[in-house]
C-alpha atoms as a PDB file:
ATOM      1  CA  UNK A   1      70.808  29.914  80.324  1.00  0.00           C
ATOM      2  CA  UNK A   2      67.289  30.116  81.660  1.00  0.00           C
ATOM      3  CA  UNK A   3      64.758  33.594  80.551  1.00  0.00           C
ATOM      4  CA  UNK A   4      61.193  33.935  81.359  1.00  0.00           C
ATOM      5  CA  UNK A   5      58.699  36.567  80.413  1.00  0.00           C
ATOM      6  CA  UNK A   6      57.048  38.371  83.932  1.00  0.00           C
ATOM      7  CA  UNK A   7      54.960  41.805  84.163  1.00  0.00           C
ATOM      8  CA  UNK A   8      58.474  44.506  83.260  1.00  0.00           C
ATOM      9  CA  UNK A   9      57.971  48.521  84.836  1.00  0.00           C
ATOM     10  CA  UNK A  10      59.153  50.055  81.370  1.00  0.00           C
ATOM     11  CA  UNK A  11      57.188  47.898  79.341  1.00  0.00           C
ATOM     12  CA  UNK A  12      54.491  45.698  79.468  1.00  0.00           C
ATOM     13  CA  UNK A  13      56.260  42.099  79.653  1.00  0.00           C
ATOM     14  CA  UNK A  14      59.885  42.231  79.669  1.00  0.00           C
ATOM     15  CA  UNK A  15      62.239  39.460  79.098  1.00  0.00           C
ATOM     16  CA  UNK A  16      64.513  38.074  82.441  1.00  0.00           C
ATOM     17  CA  UNK A  17      67.022  35.853  83.366  1.00  0.00           C
ATOM     18  CA  UNK A  18      67.153  33.801  86.244  1.00  0.00           C
ATOM     19  CA  UNK A  19      70.922  32.678  85.847  1.00  0.00           C
ATOM     20  CA  UNK A  20      73.812  35.116  85.565  1.00  0.00           C
ATOM     21  CA  UNK A  21      74.450  36.247  81.994  1.00  0.00           C
ATOM     22  CA  UNK A  22      78.817  36.903  81.006  1.00  0.00           C
ATOM     23  CA  UNK A  23      79.360  39.951  78.967  1.00  0.00           C
ATOM     24  CA  UNK A  24      79.756  38.840  75.039  1.00  0.00           C
ATOM     25  CA  UNK A  25      77.182  35.573  75.524  1.00  0.00           C
ATOM     26  CA  UNK A  26      74.955  35.157  72.235  1.00  0.00           C
ATOM     27  CA  UNK A  27      71.075  34.653  75.014  1.00  0.00           C
ATOM     28  CA  UNK A  28      68.605  34.338  72.377  1.00  0.00           C
ATOM     29  CA  UNK A  29      68.107  34.367  68.496  1.00  0.00           C
ATOM     30  CA  UNK A  30      65.217  37.073  66.986  1.00  0.00           C
ATOM     31  CA  UNK A  31      63.074  34.558  65.618  1.00  0.00           C
ATOM     32  CA  UNK A  32      59.905  34.443  63.356  1.00  0.00           C
ATOM     33  CA  UNK A  33      58.940  34.323  59.542  1.00  0.00           C
ATOM     34  CA  UNK A  34      60.983  35.855  57.144  1.00  0.00           C
ATOM     35  CA  UNK A  35      58.364  39.205  55.123  1.00  0.00           C
ATOM     36  CA  UNK A  36      58.354  41.982  53.069  1.00  0.00           C
ATOM     37  CA  UNK A  37      58.295  45.325  55.083  1.00  0.00           C
ATOM     38  CA  UNK A  38      55.315  46.514  53.135  1.00  0.00           C
ATOM     39  CA  UNK A  39      53.480  42.364  54.424  1.00  0.00           C
ATOM     40  CA  UNK A  40      54.738  43.170  57.480  1.00  0.00           C
ATOM     41  CA  UNK A  41      52.528  46.931  57.346  1.00  0.00           C
ATOM     42  CA  UNK A  42      50.116  45.054  56.476  1.00  0.00           C
ATOM     43  CA  UNK A  43      50.048  42.617  59.169  1.00  0.00           C
ATOM     44  CA  UNK A  44      49.949  45.475  61.483  1.00  0.00           C
ATOM     45  CA  UNK A  45      48.675  48.498  60.161  1.00  0.00           C
ATOM     46  CA  UNK A  46      45.520  48.812  62.867  1.00  0.00           C
ATOM     47  CA  UNK A  47      48.278  48.560  65.766  1.00  0.00           C
ATOM     48  CA  UNK A  48      50.190  50.193  67.880  1.00  0.00           C
ATOM     49  CA  UNK A  49      52.385  47.456  68.815  1.00  0.00           C
ATOM     50  CA  UNK A  50      54.614  45.419  66.065  1.00  0.00           C
ATOM     51  CA  UNK A  51      57.063  42.384  66.496  1.00  0.00           C
ATOM     52  CA  UNK A  52      58.865  43.205  63.533  1.00  0.00           C
ATOM     53  CA  UNK A  53      63.017  43.387  63.557  1.00  0.00           C
ATOM     54  CA  UNK A  54      64.843  44.912  60.206  1.00  0.00           C
ATOM     55  CA  UNK A  55      67.305  41.682  58.380  1.00  0.00           C
ATOM     56  CA  UNK A  56      69.564  41.404  55.304  1.00  0.00           C
ATOM     57  CA  UNK A  57      69.502  44.106  52.285  1.00  0.00           C
ATOM     58  CA  UNK A  58      66.687  43.686  51.086  1.00  0.00           C
ATOM     59  CA  UNK A  59      63.920  45.258  53.144  1.00  0.00           C
ATOM     60  CA  UNK A  60      62.713  42.032  55.126  1.00  0.00           C
ATOM     61  CA  UNK A  61      61.448  41.751  58.178  1.00  0.00           C
ATOM     62  CA  UNK A  62      61.332  39.495  61.214  1.00  0.00           C
ATOM     63  CA  UNK A  63      57.489  38.824  62.037  1.00  0.00           C
ATOM     64  CA  UNK A  64      58.718  37.946  66.324  1.00  0.00           C
ATOM     65  CA  UNK A  65      57.213  35.576  67.381  1.00  0.00           C
ATOM     66  CA  UNK A  66      59.904  34.254  69.403  1.00  0.00           C
ATOM     67  CA  UNK A  67      60.542  35.192  73.992  1.00  0.00           C
ATOM     68  CA  UNK A  68      63.135  37.569  71.935  1.00  0.00           C
ATOM     69  CA  UNK A  69      60.222  39.640  70.986  1.00  0.00           C
ATOM     70  CA  UNK A  70      59.190  40.552  74.334  1.00  0.00           C
ATOM     71  CA  UNK A  71      62.775  42.603  74.963  1.00  0.00           C
ATOM     72  CA  UNK A  72      62.358  45.975  75.442  1.00  0.00           C
ATOM     73  CA  UNK A  73      64.412  49.262  75.108  1.00  0.00           C
ATOM     74  CA  UNK A  74      66.272  51.413  76.920  1.00  0.00           C
ATOM     75  CA  UNK A  75      68.592  54.089  76.319  1.00  0.00           C
ATOM     76  CA  UNK A  76      71.375  52.396  78.633  1.00  0.00           C
ATOM     77  CA  UNK A  77      71.221  48.504  77.360  1.00  0.00           C
ATOM     78  CA  UNK A  78      72.997  45.511  78.424  1.00  0.00           C
ATOM     79  CA  UNK A  79      72.431  43.900  75.113  1.00  0.00           C
ATOM     80  CA  UNK A  80      72.553  44.314  71.341  1.00  0.00           C
ATOM     81  CA  UNK A  81      71.452  43.416  68.175  1.00  0.00           C
ATOM     82  CA  UNK A  82      73.548  41.337  65.426  1.00  0.00           C
ATOM     83  CA  UNK A  83      73.070  39.792  62.081  1.00  0.00           C
ATOM     84  CA  UNK A  84      75.254  36.686  62.219  1.00  0.00           C
ATOM     85  CA  UNK A  85      74.801  34.392  58.899  1.00  0.00           C
ATOM     86  CA  UNK A  86      70.974  35.740  58.525  1.00  0.00           C
ATOM     87  CA  UNK A  87      69.501  35.529  61.856  1.00  0.00           C
ATOM     88  CA  UNK A  88      69.219  38.564  65.156  1.00  0.00           C
ATOM     89  CA  UNK A  89      71.180  37.784  67.881  1.00  0.00           C
ATOM     90  CA  UNK A  90      69.855  39.983  71.600  1.00  0.00           C
ATOM     91  CA  UNK A  91      73.730  40.314  72.790  1.00  0.00           C
ATOM     92  CA  UNK A  92      74.672  40.905  76.387  1.00  0.00           C
ATOM     93  CA  UNK A  93      77.029  44.190  76.555  1.00  0.00           C
ATOM     94  CA  UNK A  94      77.898  43.626  79.536  1.00  0.00           C
ATOM     95  CA  UNK A  95      77.732  40.885  82.653  1.00  0.00           C
ATOM     96  CA  UNK A  96      73.949  40.278  83.580  1.00  0.00           C
ATOM     97  CA  UNK A  97      72.919  39.468  87.478  1.00  0.00           C
ATOM     98  CA  UNK A  98      69.835  36.987  87.918  1.00  0.00           C
ATOM     99  CA  UNK A  99      66.760  38.909  88.164  1.00  0.00           C
ATOM    100  CA  UNK A 100      68.111  41.593  85.916  1.00  0.00           C
ATOM    101  CA  UNK A 101      65.240  42.911  82.820  1.00  0.00           C
ATOM    102  CA  UNK A 102      66.822  41.836  79.526  1.00  0.00           C
ATOM    103  CA  UNK A 103      66.660  45.834  77.127  1.00  0.00           C
ATOM    104  CA  UNK A 104      68.228  47.101  74.006  1.00  0.00           C
ATOM    105  CA  UNK A 105      68.725  49.454  72.193  1.00  0.00           C
ATOM    106  CA  UNK A 106      65.514  49.446  69.761  1.00  0.00           C
ATOM    107  CA  UNK A 107      67.595  52.738  67.376  1.00  0.00           C
ATOM    108  CA  UNK A 108      64.711  53.289  64.714  1.00  0.00           C
ATOM    109  CA  UNK A 109      64.871  53.841  62.226  1.00  0.00           C
ATOM    110  CA  UNK A 110      61.478  54.488  60.380  1.00  0.00           C
ATOM    111  CA  UNK A 111      58.347  54.741  61.532  1.00  0.00           C
ATOM    112  CA  UNK A 112      55.215  56.570  60.713  1.00  0.00           C
ATOM    113  CA  UNK A 113      56.701  61.181  60.875  1.00  0.00           C
ATOM    114  CA  UNK A 114      53.409  61.789  63.594  1.00  0.00           C
ATOM    115  CA  UNK A 115      55.193  58.662  65.123  1.00  0.00           C
ATOM    116  CA  UNK A 116      56.780  60.548  68.846  1.00  0.00           C
ATOM    117  CA  UNK A 117      57.780  56.281  69.170  1.00  0.00           C
ATOM    118  CA  UNK A 118      57.569  57.431  73.368  1.00  0.00           C
ATOM    119  CA  UNK A 119      60.557  56.262  75.607  1.00  0.00           C
ATOM    120  CA  UNK A 120      58.903  54.805  78.958  1.00  0.00           C
ATOM    121  CA  UNK A 121      63.326  53.514  79.612  1.00  0.00           C
ATOM    122  CA  UNK A 122      63.538  55.908  82.854  1.00  0.00           C
ATOM    123  CA  UNK A 123      67.222  55.470  82.123  1.00  0.00           C
ATOM    124  CA  UNK A 124      69.605  58.060  83.993  1.00  0.00           C
ATOM    125  CA  UNK A 125      70.054  59.783  79.800  1.00  0.00           C
ATOM    126  CA  UNK A 126      66.313  58.455  78.330  1.00  0.00           C
ATOM    127  CA  UNK A 127      66.770  60.430  74.683  1.00  0.00           C
ATOM    128  CA  UNK A 128      62.922  60.403  74.894  1.00  0.00           C
ATOM    129  CA  UNK A 129      62.877  58.155  72.175  1.00  0.00           C
ATOM    130  CA  UNK A 130      62.732  54.442  70.651  1.00  0.00           C
ATOM    131  CA  UNK A 131      64.475  57.079  67.400  1.00  0.00           C
ATOM    132  CA  UNK A 132      67.829  56.302  66.357  1.00  0.00           C
ATOM    133  CA  UNK A 133      69.710  59.593  67.495  1.00  0.00           C
ATOM    134  CA  UNK A 134      70.525  59.809  63.463  1.00  0.00           C
ATOM    135  CA  UNK A 135      66.889  59.228  62.917  1.00  0.00           C
ATOM    136  CA  UNK A 136      65.706  61.970  65.572  1.00  0.00           C
ATOM    137  CA  UNK A 137      68.295  64.623  63.764  1.00  0.00           C
ATOM    138  CA  UNK A 138      66.728  64.068  60.241  1.00  0.00           C
ATOM    139  CA  UNK A 139      63.329  64.567  61.911  1.00  0.00           C
ATOM    140  CA  UNK A 140      64.683  67.426  63.572  1.00  0.00           C
ATOM    141  CA  UNK A 141      65.741  69.241  60.130  1.00  0.00           C
ATOM    142  CA  UNK A 142      62.679  68.009  58.151  1.00  0.00           C
ATOM    143  CA  UNK A 143      60.139  69.298  61.215  1.00  0.00           C
ATOM    144  CA  UNK A 144      62.819  73.045  60.359  1.00  0.00           C
ATOM    145  CA  UNK A 145      62.682  72.508  57.017  1.00  0.00           C
ATOM    146  CA  UNK A 146      59.096  72.716  56.797  1.00  0.00           C
ATOM    147  CA  UNK A 147      58.043  76.378  59.845  1.00  0.00           C
ATOM    148  CA  UNK A 148      60.900  77.482  57.064  1.00  0.00           C
ATOM    149  CA  UNK A 149      58.334  76.300  54.545  1.00  0.00           C
ATOM    150  CA  UNK A 150      54.975  77.383  55.873  1.00  0.00           C
ATOM    151  CA  UNK A 151      56.600  80.233  56.760  1.00  0.00           C
ATOM    152  CA  UNK A 152      57.919  81.550  53.179  1.00  0.00           C
ATOM    153  CA  UNK A 153      54.367  80.293  52.553  1.00  0.00           C
ATOM    154  CA  UNK A 154      52.753  82.691  54.863  1.00  0.00           C
END
């Protein structure tokens, strides 16, 4: 299966396929050193872009060093991620045509409180953020609570 990194309309660089990919195909593994989340936060603390991917149940992350690190987010993706035997795989959720950009929903669940993690995917039903629906609900609840707390203390 041929994959290339080139300029993307979604964000900077993206990964594109040069051959058709069938639904349910393991497309590429997300590779790189496995480090603690704290170590990853230190490495990327002064950077706008990270390539960290949560893996396992210990709070570890993969510091993406392979081609999969360049796959962009979309609210209407053609791939998804799955952890299989301690490895993160990007898997096609539908047939993908040659020349198509590979995308998956990042579903972010943590990040700086003031980081909106804006989405630029241009999907018809884009939610406007890389955060998961659940994380967006949680943040909205917290904002409401903080707003009420401010009103109560005034």
